[in-house]
């Protein structure tokens, strides 16, 4: 296991908790939090060989917009 794994995994967890709470409350201003989580999560998935998950996490054609883009669009369309 690489030395940075625990830091990256903690970053993903700690960033996802408030972002998920904000989404549940309907707050669209938390989309930067999802981007910060994805900036760490996607490279981690790629490092460990989970290529399909890394692509799906940021693929807007996967059936729904990823949370960070949906929040951005909701925030800027109002």
PDB file of N, CA and C in Angstrom:
ATOM      1  N   UNK A   1       0.851  -1.167   0.000  1.00  0.00           N
ATOM      2  CA  UNK A   1       0.000   0.000   0.000  1.00  0.00           C
ATOM      3  C   UNK A   1       0.906   1.242   0.000  1.00  0.00           C
ATOM      4  N   UNK A   2       0.653   2.195  -0.908  1.00  0.00           N
ATOM      5  CA  UNK A   2       1.477   3.411  -0.948  1.00  0.00           C
ATOM      6  C   UNK A   2       1.298   4.260   0.312  1.00  0.00           C
ATOM      7  N   UNK A   3       2.300   5.077   0.597  1.00  0.00           N
ATOM      8  CA  UNK A   3       2.266   5.905   1.820  1.00  0.00           C
ATOM      9  C   UNK A   3       1.124   6.905   1.800  1.00  0.00           C
ATOM     10  N   UNK A   4       0.683   7.334   0.630  1.00  0.00           N
ATOM     11  CA  UNK A   4      -0.336   8.373   0.525  1.00  0.00           C
ATOM     12  C   UNK A   4      -1.762   7.817   0.536  1.00  0.00           C
ATOM     13  N   UNK A   5      -1.890   6.496   0.552  1.00  0.00           N
ATOM     14  CA  UNK A   5      -3.221   5.892   0.462  1.00  0.00           C
ATOM     15  C   UNK A   5      -4.146   6.328   1.609  1.00  0.00           C
ATOM     16  N   UNK A   6      -3.655   6.276   2.839  1.00  0.00           N
ATOM     17  CA  UNK A   6      -4.506   6.636   3.993  1.00  0.00           C
ATOM     18  C   UNK A   6      -4.905   8.111   3.946  1.00  0.00           C
ATOM     19  N   UNK A   7      -3.994   8.967   3.500  1.00  0.00           N
ATOM     20  CA  UNK A   7      -4.325  10.388   3.382  1.00  0.00           C
ATOM     21  C   UNK A   7      -5.389  10.615   2.312  1.00  0.00           C
ATOM     22  N   UNK A   8      -5.230   9.964   1.171  1.00  0.00           N
ATOM     23  CA  UNK A   8      -6.193  10.126   0.077  1.00  0.00           C
ATOM     24  C   UNK A   8      -7.563   9.585   0.476  1.00  0.00           C
ATOM     25  N   UNK A   9      -7.575   8.425   1.095  1.00  0.00           N
ATOM     26  CA  UNK A   9      -8.851   7.832   1.493  1.00  0.00           C
ATOM     27  C   UNK A   9      -9.549   8.682   2.551  1.00  0.00           C
ATOM     28  N   UNK A  10      -8.775   9.251   3.470  1.00  0.00           N
ATOM     29  CA  UNK A  10      -9.355  10.133   4.486  1.00  0.00           C
ATOM     30  C   UNK A  10      -9.921  11.394   3.850  1.00  0.00           C
ATOM     31  N   UNK A  11      -9.191  11.952   2.880  1.00  0.00           N
ATOM     32  CA  UNK A  11      -9.644  13.151   2.168  1.00  0.00           C
ATOM     33  C   UNK A  11     -10.991  12.882   1.492  1.00  0.00           C
ATOM     34  N   UNK A  12     -11.110  11.725   0.850  1.00  0.00           N
ATOM     35  CA  UNK A  12     -12.349  11.377   0.150  1.00  0.00           C
ATOM     36  C   UNK A  12     -13.498  11.256   1.144  1.00  0.00           C
ATOM     37  N   UNK A  13     -13.268  10.579   2.263  1.00  0.00           N
ATOM     38  CA  UNK A  13     -14.327  10.405   3.254  1.00  0.00           C
ATOM     39  C   UNK A  13     -14.732  11.733   3.881  1.00  0.00           C
ATOM     40  N   UNK A  14     -13.748  12.498   4.338  1.00  0.00           N
ATOM     41  CA  UNK A  14     -14.039  13.758   5.028  1.00  0.00           C
ATOM     42  C   UNK A  14     -14.688  14.761   4.076  1.00  0.00           C
ATOM     43  N   UNK A  15     -14.309  14.760   2.812  1.00  0.00           N
ATOM     44  CA  UNK A  15     -14.930  15.656   1.844  1.00  0.00           C
ATOM     45  C   UNK A  15     -16.316  15.227   1.425  1.00  0.00           C
ATOM     46  N   UNK A  16     -16.561  13.923   1.401  1.00  0.00           N
ATOM     47  CA  UNK A  16     -17.855  13.415   0.959  1.00  0.00           C
ATOM     48  C   UNK A  16     -18.961  13.612   1.985  1.00  0.00           C
ATOM     49  N   UNK A  17     -18.620  13.588   3.252  1.00  0.00           N
ATOM     50  CA  UNK A  17     -19.646  13.723   4.297  1.00  0.00           C
ATOM     51  C   UNK A  17     -20.350  15.078   4.218  1.00  0.00           C
ATOM     52  N   UNK A  18     -19.635  16.206   4.265  1.00  0.00           N
ATOM     53  CA  UNK A  18     -20.362  17.487   4.174  1.00  0.00           C
ATOM     54  C   UNK A  18     -20.990  17.717   2.801  1.00  0.00           C
ATOM     55  N   UNK A  19     -20.360  17.209   1.745  1.00  0.00           N
ATOM     56  CA  UNK A  19     -20.930  17.395   0.413  1.00  0.00           C
ATOM     57  C   UNK A  19     -22.239  16.614   0.264  1.00  0.00           C
ATOM     58  N   UNK A  20     -22.291  15.409   0.806  1.00  0.00           N
ATOM     59  CA  UNK A  20     -23.520  14.618   0.754  1.00  0.00           C
ATOM     60  C   UNK A  20     -24.606  15.272   1.608  1.00  0.00           C
ATOM     61  N   UNK A  21     -24.239  15.755   2.778  1.00  0.00           N
ATOM     62  CA  UNK A  21     -25.198  16.453   3.641  1.00  0.00           C
ATOM     63  C   UNK A  21     -25.764  17.684   2.926  1.00  0.00           C
ATOM     64  N   UNK A  22     -24.881  18.445   2.278  1.00  0.00           N
ATOM     65  CA  UNK A  22     -25.320  19.652   1.574  1.00  0.00           C
ATOM     66  C   UNK A  22     -26.249  19.302   0.414  1.00  0.00           C
ATOM     67  N   UNK A  23     -25.942  18.227  -0.312  1.00  0.00           N
ATOM     68  CA  UNK A  23     -26.831  17.799  -1.397  1.00  0.00           C
ATOM     69  C   UNK A  23     -28.198  17.397  -0.860  1.00  0.00           C
ATOM     70  N   UNK A  24     -28.207  16.689   0.270  1.00  0.00           N
ATOM     71  CA  UNK A  24     -29.475  16.252   0.860  1.00  0.00           C
ATOM     72  C   UNK A  24     -30.316  17.444   1.312  1.00  0.00           C
ATOM     73  N   UNK A  25     -29.661  18.517   1.714  1.00  0.00           N
ATOM     74  CA  UNK A  25     -30.373  19.726   2.134  1.00  0.00           C
ATOM     75  C   UNK A  25     -30.758  20.617   0.955  1.00  0.00           C
ATOM     76  N   UNK A  26     -30.269  20.279  -0.235  1.00  0.00           N
ATOM     77  CA  UNK A  26     -30.607  21.056  -1.417  1.00  0.00           C
ATOM     78  C   UNK A  26     -29.704  22.256  -1.642  1.00  0.00           C
ATOM     79  N   UNK A  27     -28.553  22.266  -0.999  1.00  0.00           N
ATOM     80  CA  UNK A  27     -27.619  23.379  -1.167  1.00  0.00           C
ATOM     81  C   UNK A  27     -26.757  23.119  -2.393  1.00  0.00           C
ATOM     82  N   UNK A  28     -26.874  23.949  -3.397  1.00  0.00           N
ATOM     83  CA  UNK A  28     -26.117  23.757  -4.637  1.00  0.00           C
ATOM     84  C   UNK A  28     -24.719  24.347  -4.562  1.00  0.00           C
ATOM     85  N   UNK A  29     -24.403  25.091  -3.534  1.00  0.00           N
ATOM     86  CA  UNK A  29     -23.113  25.773  -3.446  1.00  0.00           C
ATOM     87  C   UNK A  29     -21.969  24.850  -3.042  1.00  0.00           C
ATOM     88  N   UNK A  30     -22.244  23.571  -2.830  1.00  0.00           N
ATOM     89  CA  UNK A  30     -21.203  22.658  -2.394  1.00  0.00           C
ATOM     90  C   UNK A  30     -20.574  21.878  -3.533  1.00  0.00           C
ATOM     91  N   UNK A  31     -20.821  22.248  -4.787  1.00  0.00           N
ATOM     92  CA  UNK A  31     -20.210  21.519  -5.901  1.00  0.00           C
ATOM     93  C   UNK A  31     -18.694  21.606  -5.896  1.00  0.00           C
ATOM     94  N   UNK A  32     -18.047  22.691  -5.401  1.00  0.00           N
ATOM     95  CA  UNK A  32     -16.573  22.668  -5.347  1.00  0.00           C
ATOM     96  C   UNK A  32     -16.032  21.575  -4.420  1.00  0.00           C
ATOM     97  N   UNK A  33     -16.814  21.216  -3.409  1.00  0.00           N
ATOM     98  CA  UNK A  33     -16.400  20.146  -2.504  1.00  0.00           C
ATOM     99  C   UNK A  33     -16.312  18.822  -3.254  1.00  0.00           C
ATOM    100  N   UNK A  34     -17.279  18.556  -4.137  1.00  0.00           N
ATOM    101  CA  UNK A  34     -17.232  17.329  -4.930  1.00  0.00           C
ATOM    102  C   UNK A  34     -16.046  17.332  -5.885  1.00  0.00           C
ATOM    103  N   UNK A  35     -15.721  18.483  -6.437  1.00  0.00           N
ATOM    104  CA  UNK A  35     -14.563  18.560  -7.328  1.00  0.00           C
ATOM    105  C   UNK A  35     -13.286  18.273  -6.548  1.00  0.00           C
ATOM    106  N   UNK A  36     -13.181  18.808  -5.326  1.00  0.00           N
ATOM    107  CA  UNK A  36     -12.007  18.530  -4.488  1.00  0.00           C
ATOM    108  C   UNK A  36     -11.899  17.048  -4.158  1.00  0.00           C
ATOM    109  N   UNK A  37     -13.018  16.397  -3.919  1.00  0.00           N
ATOM    110  CA  UNK A  37     -13.012  14.960  -3.650  1.00  0.00           C
ATOM    111  C   UNK A  37     -12.588  14.199  -4.906  1.00  0.00           C
ATOM    112  N   UNK A  38     -13.106  14.593  -6.066  1.00  0.00           N
ATOM    113  CA  UNK A  38     -12.766  13.901  -7.312  1.00  0.00           C
ATOM    114  C   UNK A  38     -11.313  14.111  -7.722  1.00  0.00           C
ATOM    115  N   UNK A  39     -10.736  15.253  -7.383  1.00  0.00           N
ATOM    116  CA  UNK A  39      -9.332  15.491  -7.717  1.00  0.00           C
ATOM    117  C   UNK A  39      -8.401  14.494  -7.035  1.00  0.00           C
ATOM    118  N   UNK A  40      -8.835  13.946  -5.916  1.00  0.00           N
ATOM    119  CA  UNK A  40      -8.059  12.930  -5.218  1.00  0.00           C
ATOM    120  C   UNK A  40      -8.574  11.531  -5.565  1.00  0.00           C
ATOM    121  N   UNK A  41      -9.883  11.382  -5.687  1.00  0.00           N
ATOM    122  CA  UNK A  41     -10.473  10.063  -5.888  1.00  0.00           C
ATOM    123  C   UNK A  41     -10.179   9.446  -7.241  1.00  0.00           C
ATOM    124  N   UNK A  42     -10.234  10.238  -8.301  1.00  0.00           N
ATOM    125  CA  UNK A  42     -10.007   9.684  -9.642  1.00  0.00           C
ATOM    126  C   UNK A  42      -8.573   9.185  -9.798  1.00  0.00           C
ATOM    127  N   UNK A  43      -7.547   9.971  -9.428  1.00  0.00           N
ATOM    128  CA  UNK A  43      -6.189   9.419  -9.533  1.00  0.00           C
ATOM    129  C   UNK A  43      -5.969   8.178  -8.667  1.00  0.00           C
ATOM    130  N   UNK A  44      -6.624   8.137  -7.509  1.00  0.00           N
ATOM    131  CA  UNK A  44      -6.492   6.949  -6.663  1.00  0.00           C
ATOM    132  C   UNK A  44      -7.098   5.726  -7.352  1.00  0.00           C
ATOM    133  N   UNK A  45      -8.271   5.891  -7.943  1.00  0.00           N
ATOM    134  CA  UNK A  45      -8.881   4.785  -8.679  1.00  0.00           C
ATOM    135  C   UNK A  45      -8.014   4.341  -9.847  1.00  0.00           C
ATOM    136  N   UNK A  46      -7.442   5.289 -10.553  1.00  0.00           N
ATOM    137  CA  UNK A  46      -6.566   4.950 -11.670  1.00  0.00           C
ATOM    138  C   UNK A  46      -5.316   4.217 -11.193  1.00  0.00           C
ATOM    139  N   UNK A  47      -4.752   4.652 -10.082  1.00  0.00           N
ATOM    140  CA  UNK A  47      -3.545   4.013  -9.555  1.00  0.00           C
ATOM    141  C   UNK A  47      -3.782   2.538  -9.231  1.00  0.00           C
ATOM    142  N   UNK A  48      -4.931   2.243  -8.658  1.00  0.00           N
ATOM    143  CA  UNK A  48      -5.219   0.870  -8.262  1.00  0.00           C
ATOM    144  C   UNK A  48      -5.874   0.046  -9.366  1.00  0.00           C
ATOM    145  N   UNK A  49      -6.022   0.637 -10.546  1.00  0.00           N
ATOM    146  CA  UNK A  49      -6.519  -0.123 -11.693  1.00  0.00           C
ATOM    147  C   UNK A  49      -8.019  -0.201 -11.831  1.00  0.00           C
ATOM    148  N   UNK A  50      -8.758   0.623 -11.142  1.00  0.00           N
ATOM    149  CA  UNK A  50     -10.219   0.632 -11.252  1.00  0.00           C
ATOM    150  C   UNK A  50     -10.643   1.609 -12.347  1.00  0.00           C
ATOM    151  N   UNK A  51     -10.225   1.321 -13.572  1.00  0.00           N
ATOM    152  CA  UNK A  51     -10.442   2.237 -14.687  1.00  0.00           C
ATOM    153  C   UNK A  51     -11.914   2.505 -14.983  1.00  0.00           C
ATOM    154  N   UNK A  52     -12.786   1.480 -14.997  1.00  0.00           N
ATOM    155  CA  UNK A  52     -14.202   1.778 -15.281  1.00  0.00           C
ATOM    156  C   UNK A  52     -14.829   2.733 -14.263  1.00  0.00           C
ATOM    157  N   UNK A  53     -14.474   2.579 -12.994  1.00  0.00           N
ATOM    158  CA  UNK A  53     -15.036   3.460 -11.966  1.00  0.00           C
ATOM    159  C   UNK A  53     -14.499   4.879 -12.099  1.00  0.00           C
ATOM    160  N   UNK A  54     -13.228   5.002 -12.452  1.00  0.00           N
ATOM    161  CA  UNK A  54     -12.648   6.337 -12.633  1.00  0.00           C
ATOM    162  C   UNK A  54     -13.314   7.059 -13.797  1.00  0.00           C
ATOM    163  N   UNK A  55     -13.630   6.328 -14.864  1.00  0.00           N
ATOM    164  CA  UNK A  55     -14.300   6.935 -16.015  1.00  0.00           C
ATOM    165  C   UNK A  55     -15.741   7.287 -15.668  1.00  0.00           C
ATOM    166  N   UNK A  56     -16.453   6.386 -14.999  1.00  0.00           N
ATOM    167  CA  UNK A  56     -17.850   6.641 -14.644  1.00  0.00           C
ATOM    168  C   UNK A  56     -18.000   7.804 -13.679  1.00  0.00           C
ATOM    169  N   UNK A  57     -17.016   7.988 -12.817  1.00  0.00           N
ATOM    170  CA  UNK A  57     -17.094   9.066 -11.836  1.00  0.00           C
ATOM    171  C   UNK A  57     -17.159  10.424 -12.502  1.00  0.00           C
ATOM    172  N   UNK A  58     -16.569  10.554 -13.685  1.00  0.00           N
ATOM    173  CA  UNK A  58     -16.527  11.848 -14.354  1.00  0.00           C
ATOM    174  C   UNK A  58     -17.126  11.821 -15.749  1.00  0.00           C
ATOM    175  N   UNK A  59     -17.928  10.819 -16.074  1.00  0.00           N
ATOM    176  CA  UNK A  59     -18.521  10.723 -17.403  1.00  0.00           C
ATOM    177  C   UNK A  59     -19.942  11.287 -17.381  1.00  0.00           C
ATOM    178  N   UNK A  60     -20.162  12.465 -17.988  1.00  0.00           N
ATOM    179  CA  UNK A  60     -21.517  13.033 -17.981  1.00  0.00           C
ATOM    180  C   UNK A  60     -22.503  12.240 -18.829  1.00  0.00           C
ATOM    181  N   UNK A  61     -22.029  11.298 -19.639  1.00  0.00           N
ATOM    182  CA  UNK A  61     -22.922  10.482 -20.459  1.00  0.00           C
ATOM    183  C   UNK A  61     -23.272   9.160 -19.791  1.00  0.00           C
ATOM    184  N   UNK A  62     -22.937   9.001 -18.525  1.00  0.00           N
ATOM    185  CA  UNK A  62     -23.158   7.738 -17.832  1.00  0.00           C
ATOM    186  C   UNK A  62     -24.583   7.603 -17.295  1.00  0.00           C
ATOM    187  N   UNK A  63     -25.485   8.428 -17.729  1.00  0.00           N
ATOM    188  CA  UNK A  63     -26.865   8.321 -17.295  1.00  0.00           C
ATOM    189  C   UNK A  63     -27.316   9.502 -16.465  1.00  0.00           C
ATOM    190  N   UNK A  64     -26.405  10.149 -15.807  1.00  0.00           N
ATOM    191  CA  UNK A  64     -26.734  11.339 -15.012  1.00  0.00           C
ATOM    192  C   UNK A  64     -25.468  12.169 -14.883  1.00  0.00           C
ATOM    193  N   UNK A  65     -25.642  13.442 -14.651  1.00  0.00           N
ATOM    194  CA  UNK A  65     -24.481  14.294 -14.449  1.00  0.00           C
ATOM    195  C   UNK A  65     -23.815  13.960 -13.123  1.00  0.00           C
ATOM    196  N   UNK A  66     -22.489  13.978 -13.091  1.00  0.00           N
ATOM    197  CA  UNK A  66     -21.828  13.813 -11.791  1.00  0.00           C
ATOM    198  C   UNK A  66     -22.266  14.928 -10.852  1.00  0.00           C
ATOM    199  N   UNK A  67     -22.226  14.697  -9.562  1.00  0.00           N
ATOM    200  CA  UNK A  67     -22.748  15.680  -8.603  1.00  0.00           C
ATOM    201  C   UNK A  67     -22.127  17.066  -8.733  1.00  0.00           C
ATOM    202  N   UNK A  68     -20.826  17.147  -9.016  1.00  0.00           N
ATOM    203  CA  UNK A  68     -20.210  18.467  -9.066  1.00  0.00           C
ATOM    204  C   UNK A  68     -20.735  19.285 -10.233  1.00  0.00           C
ATOM    205  N   UNK A  69     -21.019  18.664 -11.379  1.00  0.00           N
ATOM    206  CA  UNK A  69     -21.530  19.401 -12.508  1.00  0.00           C
ATOM    207  C   UNK A  69     -23.016  19.724 -12.350  1.00  0.00           C
ATOM    208  N   UNK A  70     -23.764  18.817 -11.763  1.00  0.00           N
ATOM    209  CA  UNK A  70     -25.180  19.068 -11.511  1.00  0.00           C
ATOM    210  C   UNK A  70     -25.336  20.250 -10.553  1.00  0.00           C
ATOM    211  N   UNK A  71     -24.507  20.309  -9.519  1.00  0.00           N
ATOM    212  CA  UNK A  71     -24.551  21.427  -8.582  1.00  0.00           C
ATOM    213  C   UNK A  71     -24.142  22.733  -9.239  1.00  0.00           C
ATOM    214  N   UNK A  72     -23.138  22.658 -10.085  1.00  0.00           N
ATOM    215  CA  UNK A  72     -22.694  23.861 -10.803  1.00  0.00           C
ATOM    216  C   UNK A  72     -23.802  24.408 -11.692  1.00  0.00           C
ATOM    217  N   UNK A  73     -24.450  23.508 -12.439  1.00  0.00           N
ATOM    218  CA  UNK A  73     -25.519  23.941 -13.334  1.00  0.00           C
ATOM    219  C   UNK A  73     -26.702  24.487 -12.537  1.00  0.00           C
ATOM    220  N   UNK A  74     -27.049  23.857 -11.450  1.00  0.00           N
ATOM    221  CA  UNK A  74     -28.155  24.323 -10.617  1.00  0.00           C
ATOM    222  C   UNK A  74     -27.843  25.695 -10.028  1.00  0.00           C
ATOM    223  N   UNK A  75     -26.601  25.894  -9.634  1.00  0.00           N
ATOM    224  CA  UNK A  75     -26.204  27.154  -9.018  1.00  0.00           C
ATOM    225  C   UNK A  75     -26.217  28.305 -10.035  1.00  0.00           C
ATOM    226  N   UNK A  76     -25.767  28.032 -11.241  1.00  0.00           N
ATOM    227  CA  UNK A  76     -25.632  29.091 -12.227  1.00  0.00           C
ATOM    228  C   UNK A  76     -26.865  29.267 -13.124  1.00  0.00           C
ATOM    229  N   UNK A  77     -27.845  28.404 -13.013  1.00  0.00           N
ATOM    230  CA  UNK A  77     -29.047  28.580 -13.834  1.00  0.00           C
ATOM    231  C   UNK A  77     -30.113  29.382 -13.091  1.00  0.00           C
ATOM    232  N   UNK A  78     -29.920  29.600 -11.804  1.00  0.00           N
ATOM    233  CA  UNK A  78     -30.907  30.325 -11.003  1.00  0.00           C
ATOM    234  C   UNK A  78     -30.831  31.825 -11.238  1.00  0.00           C
TER     235      UNK A  78
END
